[in-house]
Amino acid sequence: MALPSSGPLSLNDIRVELQQAQANSSLGALSNLAGFTDPDAVSEFYGFSYIAYNTFGIYDATYNEYVEACEFGGSDNKTLYFSGSGGTPACPSVGARLYTNTTLSSAFNGGGFWWKSNQCNSAYNVLSDGTIEAIAAC
């Protein structure tokens, strides 16, 4: 549920929207979690709606075959995001859509190529709209 677009807005309102424990209620911590840049302000949160996501690491190079990705892929050096439980590293499944930002609004253009993920020890075939079409274990 989105925060109001005007009127009173407290750090507690923001904390609840971001699904955070009371201990994580500083403006700086909440702004970072929401993906805002410094300087931090409560006003940034007007109309904000939290979208839970997971992080996913890949090696930023394309391959035509999963075997190539598994054999030649280097260390993960790019972070992508997909719908999930709130910022934790995870391995997406076939049909998941990958994004380049935490608001899940900018789809990752996979171009139909294979991408290596050391985080998941697998190669992922990702379409131009960010959808994972196939996964192969490395």
C-alpha atoms as a PDB file:
ATOM      1  CA  MET A   1       0.000   0.000   0.000  1.00  0.00           C
ATOM      2  CA  ALA A   2       1.476   3.365  -1.002  1.00  0.00           C
ATOM      3  CA  LEU A   3       2.270   6.173   1.388  1.00  0.00           C
ATOM      4  CA  PRO A   4       0.063   9.285   1.153  1.00  0.00           C
ATOM      5  CA  SER A   5       0.975  11.890  -1.459  1.00  0.00           C
ATOM      6  CA  SER A   6       0.389  14.780   0.962  1.00  0.00           C
ATOM      7  CA  GLY A   7      -0.273  15.526   4.603  1.00  0.00           C
ATOM      8  CA  PRO A   8       1.501  14.226   7.699  1.00  0.00           C
ATOM      9  CA  LEU A   9       4.102  11.520   7.164  1.00  0.00           C
ATOM     10  CA  SER A  10       6.173  10.009   9.968  1.00  0.00           C
ATOM     11  CA  LEU A  11       9.276   7.868  10.030  1.00  0.00           C
ATOM     12  CA  ASN A  12       7.099   5.126  11.514  1.00  0.00           C
ATOM     13  CA  ASP A  13       4.753   5.318   8.474  1.00  0.00           C
ATOM     14  CA  ILE A  14       7.787   4.950   6.213  1.00  0.00           C
ATOM     15  CA  ARG A  15       9.228   2.099   8.312  1.00  0.00           C
ATOM     16  CA  VAL A  16       5.948   0.170   8.112  1.00  0.00           C
ATOM     17  CA  GLU A  17       5.731   0.688   4.321  1.00  0.00           C
ATOM     18  CA  LEU A  18       9.281  -0.632   3.958  1.00  0.00           C
ATOM     19  CA  GLN A  19       8.452  -3.623   6.184  1.00  0.00           C
ATOM     20  CA  GLN A  20      11.317  -2.853   8.577  1.00  0.00           C
ATOM     21  CA  ALA A  21      11.770  -3.558  12.272  1.00  0.00           C
ATOM     22  CA  GLN A  22      11.693  -0.642  14.727  1.00  0.00           C
ATOM     23  CA  ALA A  23      15.500  -0.828  15.010  1.00  0.00           C
ATOM     24  CA  ASN A  24      15.857   0.209  11.349  1.00  0.00           C
ATOM     25  CA  SER A  25      13.964   3.470  11.603  1.00  0.00           C
ATOM     26  CA  SER A  26      16.570   6.156  10.919  1.00  0.00           C
ATOM     27  CA  LEU A  27      15.809   8.378   7.941  1.00  0.00           C
ATOM     28  CA  GLY A  28      19.168   7.535   6.365  1.00  0.00           C
ATOM     29  CA  ALA A  29      18.643   3.756   6.623  1.00  0.00           C
ATOM     30  CA  LEU A  30      15.089   3.980   5.280  1.00  0.00           C
ATOM     31  CA  SER A  31      16.132   6.246   2.389  1.00  0.00           C
ATOM     32  CA  ASN A  32      18.943   3.875   1.432  1.00  0.00           C
ATOM     33  CA  LEU A  33      16.578   0.915   1.479  1.00  0.00           C
ATOM     34  CA  ALA A  34      14.153   2.791  -0.769  1.00  0.00           C
ATOM     35  CA  GLY A  35      16.959   3.552  -3.213  1.00  0.00           C
ATOM     36  CA  PHE A  36      17.017   7.321  -2.675  1.00  0.00           C
ATOM     37  CA  THR A  37      20.236   9.342  -2.855  1.00  0.00           C
ATOM     38  CA  ASP A  38      21.578  11.892  -0.379  1.00  0.00           C
ATOM     39  CA  PRO A  39      20.522  14.266   0.972  1.00  0.00           C
ATOM     40  CA  ASP A  40      17.720  12.374   2.707  1.00  0.00           C
ATOM     41  CA  ALA A  41      14.298  13.937   3.266  1.00  0.00           C
ATOM     42  CA  VAL A  42      10.946  12.646   4.487  1.00  0.00           C
ATOM     43  CA  SER A  43       9.343  14.449   1.526  1.00  0.00           C
ATOM     44  CA  GLU A  44      10.962  11.924  -0.865  1.00  0.00           C
ATOM     45  CA  PHE A  45       8.555   9.326   0.480  1.00  0.00           C
ATOM     46  CA  TYR A  46       5.309  11.097  -0.470  1.00  0.00           C
ATOM     47  CA  GLY A  47       3.421   8.677  -2.756  1.00  0.00           C
ATOM     48  CA  PHE A  48       6.141   6.034  -2.355  1.00  0.00           C
ATOM     49  CA  SER A  49       5.156   2.377  -2.617  1.00  0.00           C
ATOM     50  CA  TYR A  50       7.583  -0.322  -1.515  1.00  0.00           C
ATOM     51  CA  ILE A  51       8.183  -3.235  -3.835  1.00  0.00           C
ATOM     52  CA  ALA A  52       9.913  -6.230  -2.260  1.00  0.00           C
ATOM     53  CA  TYR A  53      12.809  -7.524  -4.333  1.00  0.00           C
ATOM     54  CA  ASN A  54      15.739  -9.921  -4.224  1.00  0.00           C
ATOM     55  CA  THR A  55      19.226  -9.320  -5.592  1.00  0.00           C
ATOM     56  CA  PHE A  56      20.837 -11.465  -8.249  1.00  0.00           C
ATOM     57  CA  GLY A  57      24.495 -11.329  -9.319  1.00  0.00           C
ATOM     58  CA  ILE A  58      25.716 -12.068 -12.848  1.00  0.00           C
ATOM     59  CA  TYR A  59      28.922 -11.752 -14.845  1.00  0.00           C
ATOM     60  CA  ASP A  60      28.364  -8.878 -17.296  1.00  0.00           C
ATOM     61  CA  ALA A  61      29.144 -10.680 -20.569  1.00  0.00           C
ATOM     62  CA  THR A  62      26.927 -12.456 -23.093  1.00  0.00           C
ATOM     63  CA  TYR A  63      27.251 -15.966 -24.476  1.00  0.00           C
ATOM     64  CA  ASN A  64      25.412 -17.800 -27.253  1.00  0.00           C
ATOM     65  CA  GLU A  65      25.371 -21.158 -25.426  1.00  0.00           C
ATOM     66  CA  TYR A  66      25.053 -22.058 -21.754  1.00  0.00           C
ATOM     67  CA  VAL A  67      28.217 -24.187 -21.982  1.00  0.00           C
ATOM     68  CA  GLU A  68      30.220 -21.091 -22.961  1.00  0.00           C
ATOM     69  CA  ALA A  69      28.725 -19.081 -20.120  1.00  0.00           C
ATOM     70  CA  CYS A  70      29.552 -21.791 -17.598  1.00  0.00           C
ATOM     71  CA  GLU A  71      33.076 -22.304 -18.936  1.00  0.00           C
ATOM     72  CA  PHE A  72      34.168 -18.733 -19.571  1.00  0.00           C
ATOM     73  CA  GLY A  73      32.010 -16.623 -17.245  1.00  0.00           C
ATOM     74  CA  GLY A  74      33.976 -14.588 -14.715  1.00  0.00           C
ATOM     75  CA  SER A  75      33.108 -13.303 -11.249  1.00  0.00           C
ATOM     76  CA  ASP A  76      29.713 -11.675 -10.760  1.00  0.00           C
ATOM     77  CA  ASN A  77      30.141  -7.951 -11.392  1.00  0.00           C
ATOM     78  CA  LYS A  78      26.573  -6.791 -12.059  1.00  0.00           C
ATOM     79  CA  THR A  79      23.609  -6.790  -9.678  1.00  0.00           C
ATOM     80  CA  LEU A  80      20.089  -7.304 -10.978  1.00  0.00           C
ATOM     81  CA  TYR A  81      16.787  -7.381  -9.104  1.00  0.00           C
ATOM     82  CA  PHE A  82      13.602  -9.440  -9.232  1.00  0.00           C
ATOM     83  CA  SER A  83      10.380  -9.662  -7.267  1.00  0.00           C
ATOM     84  CA  GLY A  84      11.060 -11.310  -3.934  1.00  0.00           C
ATOM     85  CA  SER A  85      11.220 -10.997  -0.196  1.00  0.00           C
ATOM     86  CA  GLY A  86      13.138  -7.804   0.401  1.00  0.00           C
ATOM     87  CA  GLY A  87      16.690  -7.242  -0.711  1.00  0.00           C
ATOM     88  CA  THR A  88      18.287 -10.610  -0.038  1.00  0.00           C
ATOM     89  CA  PRO A  89      20.478 -12.501  -2.523  1.00  0.00           C
ATOM     90  CA  ALA A  90      18.528 -15.296  -4.228  1.00  0.00           C
ATOM     91  CA  CYS A  91      18.404 -17.381  -7.393  1.00  0.00           C
ATOM     92  CA  PRO A  92      15.469 -16.593  -9.695  1.00  0.00           C
ATOM     93  CA  SER A  93      13.517 -19.259 -11.559  1.00  0.00           C
ATOM     94  CA  VAL A  94      12.345 -19.612 -15.153  1.00  0.00           C
ATOM     95  CA  GLY A  95       9.701 -16.985 -15.913  1.00  0.00           C
ATOM     96  CA  ALA A  96      11.049 -14.419 -13.425  1.00  0.00           C
ATOM     97  CA  ARG A  97      11.706 -10.959 -14.848  1.00  0.00           C
ATOM     98  CA  LEU A  98      15.014  -9.243 -14.083  1.00  0.00           C
ATOM     99  CA  TYR A  99      15.405  -5.501 -13.549  1.00  0.00           C
ATOM    100  CA  THR A 100      18.283  -3.046 -13.277  1.00  0.00           C
ATOM    101  CA  ASN A 101      16.760  -1.086 -10.375  1.00  0.00           C
ATOM    102  CA  THR A 102      15.197  -1.751  -6.972  1.00  0.00           C
ATOM    103  CA  THR A 103      11.828  -0.295  -7.970  1.00  0.00           C
ATOM    104  CA  LEU A 104      11.530  -3.044 -10.602  1.00  0.00           C
ATOM    105  CA  SER A 105      10.647  -0.482 -13.256  1.00  0.00           C
ATOM    106  CA  SER A 106      13.590  -0.822 -15.672  1.00  0.00           C
ATOM    107  CA  ALA A 107      13.749  -4.284 -17.266  1.00  0.00           C
ATOM    108  CA  PHE A 108      17.153  -5.821 -17.905  1.00  0.00           C
ATOM    109  CA  ASN A 109      17.707  -6.359 -21.634  1.00  0.00           C
ATOM    110  CA  GLY A 110      19.181  -9.852 -21.789  1.00  0.00           C
ATOM    111  CA  GLY A 111      19.030  -9.886 -25.581  1.00  0.00           C
ATOM    112  CA  GLY A 112      18.214 -13.595 -25.666  1.00  0.00           C
ATOM    113  CA  PHE A 113      21.781 -14.429 -24.576  1.00  0.00           C
ATOM    114  CA  TRP A 114      23.151 -16.629 -21.797  1.00  0.00           C
ATOM    115  CA  TRP A 115      24.536 -14.959 -18.665  1.00  0.00           C
ATOM    116  CA  LYS A 116      26.634 -16.634 -15.956  1.00  0.00           C
ATOM    117  CA  SER A 117      25.755 -16.303 -12.277  1.00  0.00           C
ATOM    118  CA  ASN A 118      28.395 -17.483  -9.842  1.00  0.00           C
ATOM    119  CA  GLN A 119      25.991 -16.633  -7.035  1.00  0.00           C
ATOM    120  CA  CYS A 120      23.692 -19.396  -8.325  1.00  0.00           C
ATOM    121  CA  ASN A 121      26.327 -21.534 -10.121  1.00  0.00           C
ATOM    122  CA  SER A 122      24.133 -21.488 -13.231  1.00  0.00           C
ATOM    123  CA  ALA A 123      23.743 -19.911 -16.651  1.00  0.00           C
ATOM    124  CA  TYR A 124      20.568 -17.956 -17.415  1.00  0.00           C
ATOM    125  CA  ASN A 125      19.040 -17.364 -20.852  1.00  0.00           C
ATOM    126  CA  VAL A 126      17.436 -13.919 -20.562  1.00  0.00           C
ATOM    127  CA  LEU A 127      15.145 -12.343 -23.157  1.00  0.00           C
ATOM    128  CA  SER A 128      15.206  -8.670 -24.171  1.00  0.00           C
ATOM    129  CA  ASP A 129      12.297  -7.921 -21.802  1.00  0.00           C
ATOM    130  CA  GLY A 130      14.262  -9.342 -18.845  1.00  0.00           C
ATOM    131  CA  THR A 131      12.338 -12.629 -18.642  1.00  0.00           C
ATOM    132  CA  ILE A 132      14.369 -15.728 -17.809  1.00  0.00           C
ATOM    133  CA  GLU A 133      13.619 -18.263 -20.533  1.00  0.00           C
ATOM    134  CA  ALA A 134      15.911 -21.101 -19.414  1.00  0.00           C
ATOM    135  CA  ILE A 135      18.409 -22.032 -16.698  1.00  0.00           C
ATOM    136  CA  ALA A 136      21.311 -24.493 -16.909  1.00  0.00           C
ATOM    137  CA  ALA A 137      23.385 -25.653 -13.951  1.00  0.00           C
ATOM    138  CA  CYS A 138      27.132 -25.082 -14.377  1.00  0.00           C
END
